[in-house]
Amino acid sequence: MRMYDLIMKKRNGGALNEEEIHFLIQEYVDGNIPDYQMSAFLMAVYFQGMTEEETLAMTLEVAHSGDMVDLSAIKGVKVDKHSTGGVGDKTTLIVGPMAAACGVKVAKMSGRGLGHTGGTVDKLEAIPGYRTTLSREEFFQVVNQTGISVIGQSGNLTPADKKLYALRDVTATVDSIPLIAVSIMGKKLAAGSDCIVLDVKTGSGAFMKTAEDSLALAREMVAIGENAGKRTVALITNMDIPLGNCIGNSLEVLEAVETLRGNGPEDLTDVCVELAANMLYLAGKGEMEICRQMVLRVLGNGQALERLAVMVEAQGGDSRMIRNPQLLEKAPLIYPVRAPRSGYITHMDTENCGIASAMLGAGRETKDSRIDYSAGIVLERKTGDFVEKGQVLAQFYASDEKLFAAAEERFLHAVVIGNEKPERQPLIYARVTRDGVVNGYKTAGKE
């Protein structure tokens, strides 16, 4: 078998079989296929796409290219939740404890932030003492004890994906829907959970900018999960507006705690309730409305908040920060950003809002950059709100006043103020299952 022939086959619109895809991935991981040939193949996929059978076969090869996590030592049904990334997306800190408090096991490996998107691991490391690296045995023990553990990605998981993504990043093939699906689902299958809930973001702060592309990606990933024997569902959620009001690590932990106390922003609360209810649904806890009521119950009685506190404690963190989040590290400097004119906020370029937060120290320019856990943005007004000239749009938090000017310029460039009130955008555009797509999805029974 020759790589040249596989490139030509895909270039001409052909479909590779399982044996050919096994050769492609195995030989590339082993170093026997050079980057220039794999680059040619990836570009051929970019233009020709892949069949459902090809995508599944490639995902399974990527998943099995390294360690496969065996979660059988954890009692009960294990459900994973994955977000495609966004600004203000602290949902794992809320959804995981909700599901765990309802009797579903959550054994989750999360990543760090890069660019305009935040990372769950960075947010958890804003809690003093919290360990995001555990041995496999300790990881299992924490999940069995508390119902949930969130750690960083470790070990030799999906080395094929690491090599392929690095190549896609420099060959303009990142935004290929089949390749995105392979990358995400390869990691999810390797992580070992029984069921997978996918939060596919769409809009200016998401990787997929249009609802159509997000739906295509969701369908692809649900098909992969179901064909691989994992119960899978995807929600298409709005990332044209930052989720919640806080952007930045300590600030987002504080907002997650307030949400678990029942005091969170409506948009963040509603999205989290739906994600958690879908986790329960996949785990066999009942029909969606029953699962939704279970989630609302543990949110209202404090059990979900307590589950976050005991997980933090079990992983070495200071649980006082959860029971009293005002103890979290605070930035020494606060700077108000004011509206340059009166009118309605008609649009927020969410990606640039995230970049502004990173410019304050809350994010990384490169994977080796140090972050300031206390830095970030608290939004006082969002899309649809009316503001008077000079009214505070947001509070900036940082440790160096020199950072404010450039971040303010970026943020104000992201906020569009006009004369007409914009139409209200849905929080959840659609729900995708093996049975099809439900559009115009309602949250928590609301119109």
Protein backbone atom coordinates (compact mmCIF):
# COMPACT_ATOMS: atom_id res chain seq x y z
CA MET A 1 0.00 0.00 0.00
CA ARG A 2 1.32 3.44 -0.93
CA MET A 3 0.44 6.82 0.56
CA TYR A 4 0.63 8.29 -2.96
CA ASP A 5 -2.27 6.11 -4.03
CA LEU A 6 -4.38 7.10 -1.02
CA ILE A 7 -3.80 10.79 -1.71
CA MET A 8 -4.84 10.31 -5.34
CA LYS A 9 -7.91 8.29 -4.37
CA LYS A 10 -9.14 10.98 -1.99
CA ARG A 11 -8.18 13.80 -4.39
CA ASN A 12 -10.39 12.19 -7.01
CA GLY A 13 -13.34 11.92 -4.62
CA GLY A 14 -12.97 8.25 -3.68
CA ALA A 15 -13.67 6.75 -0.25
CA LEU A 16 -10.94 4.93 1.68
CA ASN A 17 -11.73 1.58 3.29
CA GLU A 18 -10.91 0.59 6.88
CA GLU A 19 -7.64 -1.11 5.92
CA GLU A 20 -6.44 1.97 4.05
CA ILE A 21 -7.35 4.30 6.93
CA HIS A 22 -5.59 2.00 9.41
CA PHE A 23 -2.46 2.18 7.25
CA LEU A 24 -2.77 5.97 6.94
CA ILE A 25 -2.97 6.66 10.70
CA GLN A 26 -0.67 3.90 11.96
CA GLU A 27 2.13 4.67 9.51
CA TYR A 28 1.88 8.41 10.18
CA VAL A 29 2.08 7.95 13.96
CA ASP A 30 5.05 5.62 13.48
CA GLY A 31 6.83 8.28 11.42
CA ASN A 32 6.77 6.38 8.13
CA ILE A 33 4.56 8.91 6.30
CA PRO A 34 6.16 12.36 5.94
CA ASP A 35 4.29 15.54 6.85
CA TYR A 36 4.19 16.75 3.24
CA GLN A 37 2.23 13.68 2.12
CA MET A 38 -0.17 13.84 5.07
CA SER A 39 -0.64 17.57 4.34
CA ALA A 40 -1.66 16.70 0.78
CA PHE A 41 -4.12 14.12 2.07
CA LEU A 42 -5.65 16.57 4.58
CA MET A 43 -6.12 19.17 1.85
CA ALA A 44 -7.81 16.52 -0.32
CA VAL A 45 -10.19 15.79 2.58
CA TYR A 46 -10.81 19.53 2.98
CA PHE A 47 -12.09 19.74 -0.60
CA GLN A 48 -13.62 16.27 -1.07
CA GLY A 49 -14.98 15.54 2.42
CA MET A 50 -15.37 12.05 3.91
CA THR A 51 -18.19 9.53 4.05
CA GLU A 52 -19.79 8.58 7.38
CA GLU A 53 -17.98 5.22 7.20
CA GLU A 54 -14.61 6.90 6.55
CA THR A 55 -15.10 9.37 9.37
CA LEU A 56 -15.98 6.61 11.85
CA ALA A 57 -13.02 4.47 10.77
CA MET A 58 -10.60 7.40 11.07
CA THR A 59 -12.00 8.39 14.48
CA LEU A 60 -11.56 4.84 15.82
CA GLU A 61 -7.99 4.74 14.51
CA VAL A 62 -7.20 8.09 16.17
CA ALA A 63 -8.81 6.92 19.44
CA HIS A 64 -6.81 3.69 19.44
CA SER A 65 -3.52 5.34 18.43
CA GLY A 66 -2.58 5.66 22.12
CA ASP A 67 -3.98 4.77 25.54
CA MET A 68 -7.66 3.88 25.86
CA VAL A 69 -9.04 4.77 29.29
CA ASP A 70 -10.92 1.89 30.93
CA LEU A 71 -13.49 3.34 33.34
CA SER A 72 -14.93 -0.03 34.41
CA ALA A 73 -13.54 0.52 37.93
CA ILE A 74 -16.06 3.35 38.32
CA LYS A 75 -19.49 2.13 39.38
CA GLY A 76 -22.53 3.26 37.38
CA VAL A 77 -23.10 4.97 34.04
CA LYS A 78 -20.36 7.42 33.05
CA VAL A 79 -21.39 10.47 31.01
CA ASP A 80 -18.98 12.94 29.41
CA LYS A 81 -19.78 16.50 28.32
CA HIS A 82 -17.73 18.28 25.68
CA SER A 83 -17.92 21.90 24.56
CA THR A 84 -16.40 23.06 21.29
CA GLY A 85 -15.15 26.14 23.16
CA GLY A 86 -16.31 29.67 23.76
CA VAL A 87 -16.10 32.84 25.84
CA GLY A 88 -17.44 32.72 29.40
CA ASP A 89 -18.05 28.99 29.01
CA LYS A 90 -17.74 27.72 32.57
CA THR A 91 -20.45 25.09 32.03
CA THR A 92 -18.37 22.09 33.14
CA LEU A 93 -18.04 23.60 36.64
CA ILE A 94 -21.84 23.75 36.85
CA VAL A 95 -23.11 20.87 34.71
CA GLY A 96 -20.76 18.23 36.15
CA PRO A 97 -21.84 18.76 39.78
CA MET A 98 -25.50 18.91 38.73
CA ALA A 99 -25.27 15.54 36.99
CA ALA A 100 -23.24 14.00 39.82
CA ALA A 101 -25.78 15.18 42.41
CA CYS A 102 -28.44 13.32 40.38
CA GLY A 103 -26.51 10.04 40.49
CA VAL A 104 -24.62 10.15 37.19
CA LYS A 105 -20.85 9.57 37.24
CA VAL A 106 -18.72 12.26 35.56
CA ALA A 107 -15.09 11.27 34.93
CA LYS A 108 -13.86 14.19 32.85
CA MET A 109 -10.56 15.16 31.28
CA SER A 110 -10.46 18.82 30.22
CA GLY A 111 -8.03 21.14 28.48
CA ARG A 112 -6.42 24.52 28.97
CA GLY A 113 -7.37 27.73 27.23
CA LEU A 114 -5.59 29.15 24.20
CA GLY A 115 -6.40 32.27 22.21
CA HIS A 116 -9.85 33.72 22.91
CA THR A 117 -11.35 30.62 24.56
CA GLY A 118 -10.94 29.74 28.22
CA GLY A 119 -9.97 26.31 29.56
CA THR A 120 -11.67 24.39 32.36
CA VAL A 121 -8.33 23.27 33.81
CA ASP A 122 -7.15 26.89 34.16
CA LYS A 123 -10.38 27.81 35.93
CA LEU A 124 -10.03 24.97 38.41
CA GLU A 125 -6.38 25.84 39.04
CA ALA A 126 -7.57 29.28 40.15
CA ILE A 127 -8.73 27.42 43.29
CA PRO A 128 -5.68 27.19 45.61
CA GLY A 129 -4.39 23.63 46.00
CA TYR A 130 -6.67 22.03 43.38
CA ARG A 131 -4.79 19.23 41.62
CA THR A 132 -5.61 18.69 37.96
CA THR A 133 -3.12 15.82 37.70
CA LEU A 134 -4.10 12.58 39.46
CA SER A 135 -3.00 8.98 39.08
CA ARG A 136 -5.56 6.82 37.32
CA GLU A 137 -6.37 5.00 40.55
CA GLU A 138 -6.91 8.27 42.42
CA PHE A 139 -9.03 9.61 39.56
CA PHE A 140 -11.31 6.57 39.82
CA GLN A 141 -11.41 6.84 43.61
CA VAL A 142 -12.52 10.49 43.51
CA VAL A 143 -15.31 9.71 41.00
CA ASN A 144 -16.55 6.76 43.07
CA GLN A 145 -16.41 8.87 46.24
CA THR A 146 -17.90 12.16 44.98
CA GLY A 147 -19.54 11.26 41.67
CA ILE A 148 -17.27 13.60 39.73
CA SER A 149 -13.65 14.36 38.99
CA VAL A 150 -12.26 16.87 36.50
CA ILE A 151 -8.58 16.58 35.63
CA GLY A 152 -6.24 17.66 32.85
CA GLN A 153 -5.53 15.46 29.87
CA SER A 154 -2.62 13.15 30.68
CA GLY A 155 -0.89 10.04 29.47
CA ASN A 156 -0.54 9.00 25.86
CA LEU A 157 -4.09 9.75 24.70
CA THR A 158 -4.65 10.09 20.93
CA PRO A 159 -1.09 10.84 19.75
CA ALA A 160 -2.42 10.70 16.19
CA ASP A 161 -4.67 13.66 16.92
CA LYS A 162 -1.80 15.69 18.37
CA LYS A 163 0.25 15.15 15.20
CA LEU A 164 -2.66 15.73 12.84
CA TYR A 165 -3.85 18.88 14.60
CA ALA A 166 -0.37 20.42 14.59
CA LEU A 167 -0.24 19.80 10.84
CA ARG A 168 -3.78 21.09 10.19
CA ASP A 169 -2.93 24.24 12.14
CA VAL A 170 -0.23 25.23 9.64
CA THR A 171 -1.83 23.96 6.42
CA ALA A 172 -5.17 25.83 6.51
CA THR A 173 -7.15 22.61 7.04
CA VAL A 174 -8.37 23.19 10.61
CA ASP A 175 -11.91 24.13 9.55
CA SER A 176 -12.80 20.86 7.83
CA ILE A 177 -15.94 19.45 9.45
CA PRO A 178 -14.97 15.76 9.09
CA LEU A 179 -11.47 16.46 10.50
CA ILE A 180 -12.90 18.48 13.42
CA ALA A 181 -15.30 15.63 14.18
CA VAL A 182 -12.48 13.06 14.05
CA SER A 183 -10.34 15.16 16.40
CA ILE A 184 -13.06 15.76 19.01
CA MET A 185 -14.65 12.32 18.94
CA GLY A 186 -11.29 10.50 18.85
CA LYS A 187 -10.49 12.06 22.23
CA LYS A 188 -13.99 11.41 23.57
CA LEU A 189 -13.91 7.71 22.61
CA ALA A 190 -10.44 7.31 24.12
CA ALA A 191 -11.66 8.88 27.39
CA GLY A 192 -13.92 5.88 28.00
CA SER A 193 -17.34 7.25 29.05
CA ASP A 194 -20.54 5.39 28.18
CA CYS A 195 -22.47 8.45 26.93
CA ILE A 196 -21.46 11.79 25.43
CA VAL A 197 -23.26 15.16 25.48
CA LEU A 198 -21.83 17.63 22.97
CA ASP A 199 -22.21 21.39 23.39
CA VAL A 200 -21.58 22.69 19.87
CA LYS A 201 -21.16 26.46 19.98
CA THR A 202 -22.15 28.72 17.10
CA GLY A 203 -21.59 32.43 16.44
CA SER A 204 -18.87 35.07 16.59
CA GLY A 205 -17.16 33.57 19.65
CA ALA A 206 -17.28 29.98 18.39
CA PHE A 207 -15.07 27.99 16.09
CA MET A 208 -18.11 27.39 13.86
CA LYS A 209 -19.48 30.82 12.95
CA THR A 210 -22.79 29.75 11.38
CA ALA A 211 -25.63 27.63 12.70
CA GLU A 212 -25.53 25.59 9.47
CA ASP A 213 -21.88 24.60 9.95
CA SER A 214 -22.47 23.89 13.64
CA LEU A 215 -25.41 21.64 12.78
CA ALA A 216 -23.34 19.78 10.19
CA LEU A 217 -20.57 19.22 12.76
CA ALA A 218 -23.08 18.10 15.41
CA ARG A 219 -24.67 15.59 13.05
CA GLU A 220 -21.24 14.22 12.13
CA MET A 221 -20.18 13.79 15.76
CA VAL A 222 -23.48 12.26 16.90
CA ALA A 223 -23.24 9.74 14.05
CA ILE A 224 -19.68 8.84 15.06
CA GLY A 225 -20.64 8.39 18.71
CA GLU A 226 -23.70 6.29 18.00
CA ASN A 227 -21.87 4.15 15.42
CA ALA A 228 -19.11 3.58 17.99
CA GLY A 229 -21.66 2.31 20.52
CA LYS A 230 -21.87 5.45 22.68
CA ARG A 231 -25.21 7.13 23.34
CA THR A 232 -24.64 10.65 22.03
CA VAL A 233 -26.62 13.88 21.81
CA ALA A 234 -25.60 17.39 20.75
CA LEU A 235 -27.03 20.82 21.53
CA ILE A 236 -26.30 23.76 19.20
CA THR A 237 -25.83 26.68 21.61
CA ASN A 238 -25.39 30.40 21.07
CA MET A 239 -21.88 31.86 21.28
CA ASP A 240 -22.72 35.13 19.50
CA ILE A 241 -22.96 36.60 23.01
CA PRO A 242 -20.57 35.71 25.88
CA LEU A 243 -22.15 33.09 28.15
CA GLY A 244 -22.92 34.58 31.55
CA ASN A 245 -21.38 37.85 32.68
CA CYS A 246 -17.84 36.84 33.68
CA ILE A 247 -14.82 36.17 31.47
CA GLY A 248 -11.62 35.07 33.23
CA ASN A 249 -10.61 32.26 35.54
CA SER A 250 -11.34 33.27 39.16
CA LEU A 251 -14.26 35.39 37.98
CA GLU A 252 -15.79 32.41 36.18
CA VAL A 253 -15.36 30.14 39.22
CA LEU A 254 -17.20 32.76 41.28
CA GLU A 255 -20.00 32.93 38.69
CA ALA A 256 -20.23 29.13 38.54
CA VAL A 257 -20.67 29.01 42.32
CA GLU A 258 -23.33 31.72 42.22
CA THR A 259 -25.13 29.76 39.51
CA LEU A 260 -25.05 26.62 41.64
CA ARG A 261 -26.53 28.73 44.45
CA GLY A 262 -29.41 29.64 42.17
CA ASN A 263 -28.21 33.22 41.65
CA GLY A 264 -26.55 32.88 38.24
CA PRO A 265 -27.34 34.74 35.02
CA GLU A 266 -30.42 33.40 33.25
CA ASP A 267 -28.63 32.47 30.02
CA LEU A 268 -25.89 30.49 31.78
CA THR A 269 -28.36 28.77 34.12
CA ASP A 270 -30.71 27.72 31.31
CA VAL A 271 -27.94 26.29 29.10
CA CYS A 272 -26.47 24.36 32.04
CA VAL A 273 -29.84 22.93 33.07
CA GLU A 274 -30.40 21.63 29.53
CA LEU A 275 -26.91 20.15 29.23
CA ALA A 276 -27.20 18.41 32.60
CA ALA A 277 -30.73 17.16 31.80
CA ASN A 278 -29.42 15.64 28.57
CA MET A 279 -26.64 13.91 30.52
CA LEU A 280 -29.28 12.36 32.80
CA TYR A 281 -31.42 11.41 29.82
CA LEU A 282 -28.56 9.52 28.16
CA ALA A 283 -27.79 7.80 31.47
CA GLY A 284 -31.35 6.43 31.53
CA LYS A 285 -32.76 8.57 34.33
CA GLY A 286 -36.03 9.20 32.49
CA GLU A 287 -37.65 11.36 29.83
CA MET A 288 -36.29 14.85 29.29
CA GLU A 289 -38.84 16.69 31.43
CA ILE A 290 -38.24 14.32 34.35
CA CYS A 291 -34.48 14.82 33.99
CA ARG A 292 -34.92 18.59 33.82
CA GLN A 293 -36.91 18.59 37.07
CA MET A 294 -34.23 16.44 38.77
CA VAL A 295 -31.58 18.98 37.78
CA LEU A 296 -33.66 21.94 38.98
CA ARG A 297 -34.20 20.15 42.30
CA VAL A 298 -30.47 19.67 43.06
CA LEU A 299 -29.85 23.23 41.92
CA GLY A 300 -32.50 24.53 44.31
CA ASN A 301 -31.59 22.47 47.39
CA GLY A 302 -27.83 23.08 47.31
CA GLN A 303 -26.81 19.48 46.55
CA ALA A 304 -25.13 20.43 43.25
CA LEU A 305 -23.07 23.16 44.94
CA GLU A 306 -22.04 20.75 47.70
CA ARG A 307 -20.95 18.22 45.06
CA LEU A 308 -18.56 20.79 43.57
CA ALA A 309 -17.18 21.54 47.04
CA VAL A 310 -16.49 17.88 47.88
CA MET A 311 -14.81 17.30 44.50
CA VAL A 312 -12.54 20.30 45.06
CA GLU A 313 -11.70 19.03 48.56
CA ALA A 314 -11.02 15.49 47.30
CA GLN A 315 -8.51 16.88 44.79
CA GLY A 316 -6.60 18.96 47.32
CA GLY A 317 -8.33 22.26 46.71
CA ASP A 318 -9.51 24.74 49.32
CA SER A 319 -13.27 24.11 49.43
CA ARG A 320 -13.76 27.33 51.39
CA MET A 321 -13.42 29.05 47.99
CA ILE A 322 -16.58 27.23 46.88
CA ARG A 323 -18.57 27.80 50.03
CA ASN A 324 -17.39 31.44 50.12
CA PRO A 325 -16.14 32.40 46.63
CA GLN A 326 -15.36 35.95 47.76
CA LEU A 327 -12.16 34.39 49.15
CA LEU A 328 -10.91 33.76 45.60
CA GLU A 329 -7.98 35.86 44.44
CA LYS A 330 -9.01 39.35 43.34
CA ALA A 331 -7.21 41.57 40.88
CA PRO A 332 -5.67 44.65 42.50
CA LEU A 333 -6.89 47.00 39.75
CA ILE A 334 -10.41 47.58 38.39
CA TYR A 335 -11.12 49.75 35.37
CA PRO A 336 -14.62 50.69 34.13
CA VAL A 337 -15.20 50.68 30.37
CA ARG A 338 -17.91 53.18 29.39
CA ALA A 339 -20.29 53.39 26.45
CA PRO A 340 -19.06 55.84 23.79
CA ARG A 341 -22.68 56.71 22.80
CA SER A 342 -26.28 56.03 23.76
CA GLY A 343 -28.32 53.29 22.14
CA TYR A 344 -28.97 49.56 22.09
CA ILE A 345 -26.15 47.03 22.05
CA THR A 346 -26.95 45.37 18.73
CA HIS A 347 -23.99 42.98 18.53
CA MET A 348 -20.99 41.77 20.53
CA ASP A 349 -18.09 40.21 18.64
CA THR A 350 -17.63 37.52 21.25
CA GLU A 351 -14.22 36.39 19.99
CA ASN A 352 -12.84 39.91 20.48
CA CYS A 353 -14.41 40.08 23.96
CA GLY A 354 -12.43 36.93 24.78
CA ILE A 355 -9.26 38.39 23.26
CA ALA A 356 -9.71 41.54 25.37
CA SER A 357 -9.87 39.36 28.49
CA ALA A 358 -6.73 37.52 27.42
CA MET A 359 -4.99 40.88 26.88
CA LEU A 360 -5.70 41.69 30.52
CA GLY A 361 -3.73 38.55 31.49
CA ALA A 362 -6.55 36.00 31.70
CA GLY A 363 -5.48 34.00 28.65
CA ARG A 364 -2.46 32.70 26.77
CA GLU A 365 -0.84 33.87 23.56
CA THR A 366 1.09 30.58 23.41
CA LYS A 367 0.75 27.29 25.30
CA ASP A 368 3.70 28.30 27.54
CA SER A 369 2.34 31.74 28.51
CA ARG A 370 1.59 32.36 32.19
CA ILE A 371 -1.88 33.54 33.07
CA ASP A 372 -3.19 35.84 35.79
CA TYR A 373 -6.03 33.92 37.45
CA SER A 374 -7.54 37.11 38.87
CA ALA A 375 -7.70 38.98 35.55
CA GLY A 376 -10.74 39.25 33.33
CA ILE A 377 -13.95 41.08 32.51
CA VAL A 378 -17.34 41.40 34.21
CA LEU A 379 -20.00 42.47 31.72
CA GLU A 380 -22.50 45.01 33.02
CA ARG A 381 -24.48 45.15 29.74
CA LYS A 382 -24.95 42.68 26.88
CA THR A 383 -26.62 42.43 23.48
CA GLY A 384 -30.16 43.83 23.58
CA ASP A 385 -29.56 46.18 26.51
CA PHE A 386 -29.99 49.96 26.20
CA VAL A 387 -27.06 52.06 27.43
CA GLU A 388 -26.58 55.78 27.98
CA LYS A 389 -23.39 57.46 26.84
CA GLY A 390 -20.84 57.14 29.65
CA GLN A 391 -22.65 54.23 31.31
CA VAL A 392 -20.41 51.34 32.37
CA LEU A 393 -20.43 48.49 29.83
CA ALA A 394 -17.93 46.31 31.66
CA GLN A 395 -15.46 46.23 34.54
CA PHE A 396 -11.91 45.20 33.64
CA TYR A 397 -9.75 43.38 36.22
CA ALA A 398 -5.95 43.25 35.92
CA SER A 399 -2.68 43.43 37.86
CA ASP A 400 -1.01 45.99 35.58
CA GLU A 401 -2.70 49.26 34.60
CA LYS A 402 -0.70 49.35 31.34
CA LEU A 403 -2.90 46.51 30.05
CA PHE A 404 -6.16 48.45 30.20
CA ALA A 405 -5.84 50.77 27.17
CA ALA A 406 -5.26 48.15 24.49
CA ALA A 407 -7.84 45.78 25.98
CA GLU A 408 -10.40 48.61 26.14
CA GLU A 409 -9.79 49.45 22.48
CA ARG A 410 -10.29 45.80 21.49
CA PHE A 411 -13.44 45.47 23.62
CA LEU A 412 -15.08 48.67 22.34
CA HIS A 413 -14.34 47.57 18.79
CA ALA A 414 -16.28 44.37 19.59
CA VAL A 415 -19.40 46.14 20.91
CA VAL A 416 -21.77 47.65 18.35
CA ILE A 417 -24.28 50.25 19.60
CA GLY A 418 -27.19 51.21 17.34
CA ASN A 419 -30.60 52.88 17.43
CA GLU A 420 -32.81 49.82 17.06
CA LYS A 421 -33.25 47.08 19.62
CA PRO A 422 -32.06 43.77 18.11
CA GLU A 423 -34.22 40.67 17.99
CA ARG A 424 -33.69 38.30 20.90
CA GLN A 425 -31.48 35.38 19.92
CA PRO A 426 -32.22 31.80 20.99
CA LEU A 427 -29.91 30.21 23.56
CA ILE A 428 -30.22 26.78 21.98
CA TYR A 429 -30.82 26.49 18.26
CA ALA A 430 -31.30 22.73 17.98
CA ARG A 431 -30.95 19.34 19.63
CA VAL A 432 -29.36 16.59 17.55
CA THR A 433 -29.85 12.89 18.32
CA ARG A 434 -29.55 9.62 16.38
CA ASP A 435 -33.22 10.12 15.47
CA GLY A 436 -32.75 13.53 13.86
CA VAL A 437 -32.80 17.25 14.62
CA VAL A 438 -35.25 19.25 16.72
CA ASN A 439 -35.00 22.94 15.74
CA GLY A 440 -36.15 25.90 17.79
CA TYR A 441 -35.29 24.08 21.01
CA LYS A 442 -36.82 25.61 24.16
CA THR A 443 -34.93 25.87 27.44
CA ALA A 444 -36.42 24.89 30.79
CA GLY A 445 -39.92 24.91 29.32
CA LYS A 446 -39.68 28.63 28.47
CA GLU A 447 -40.97 30.40 25.37
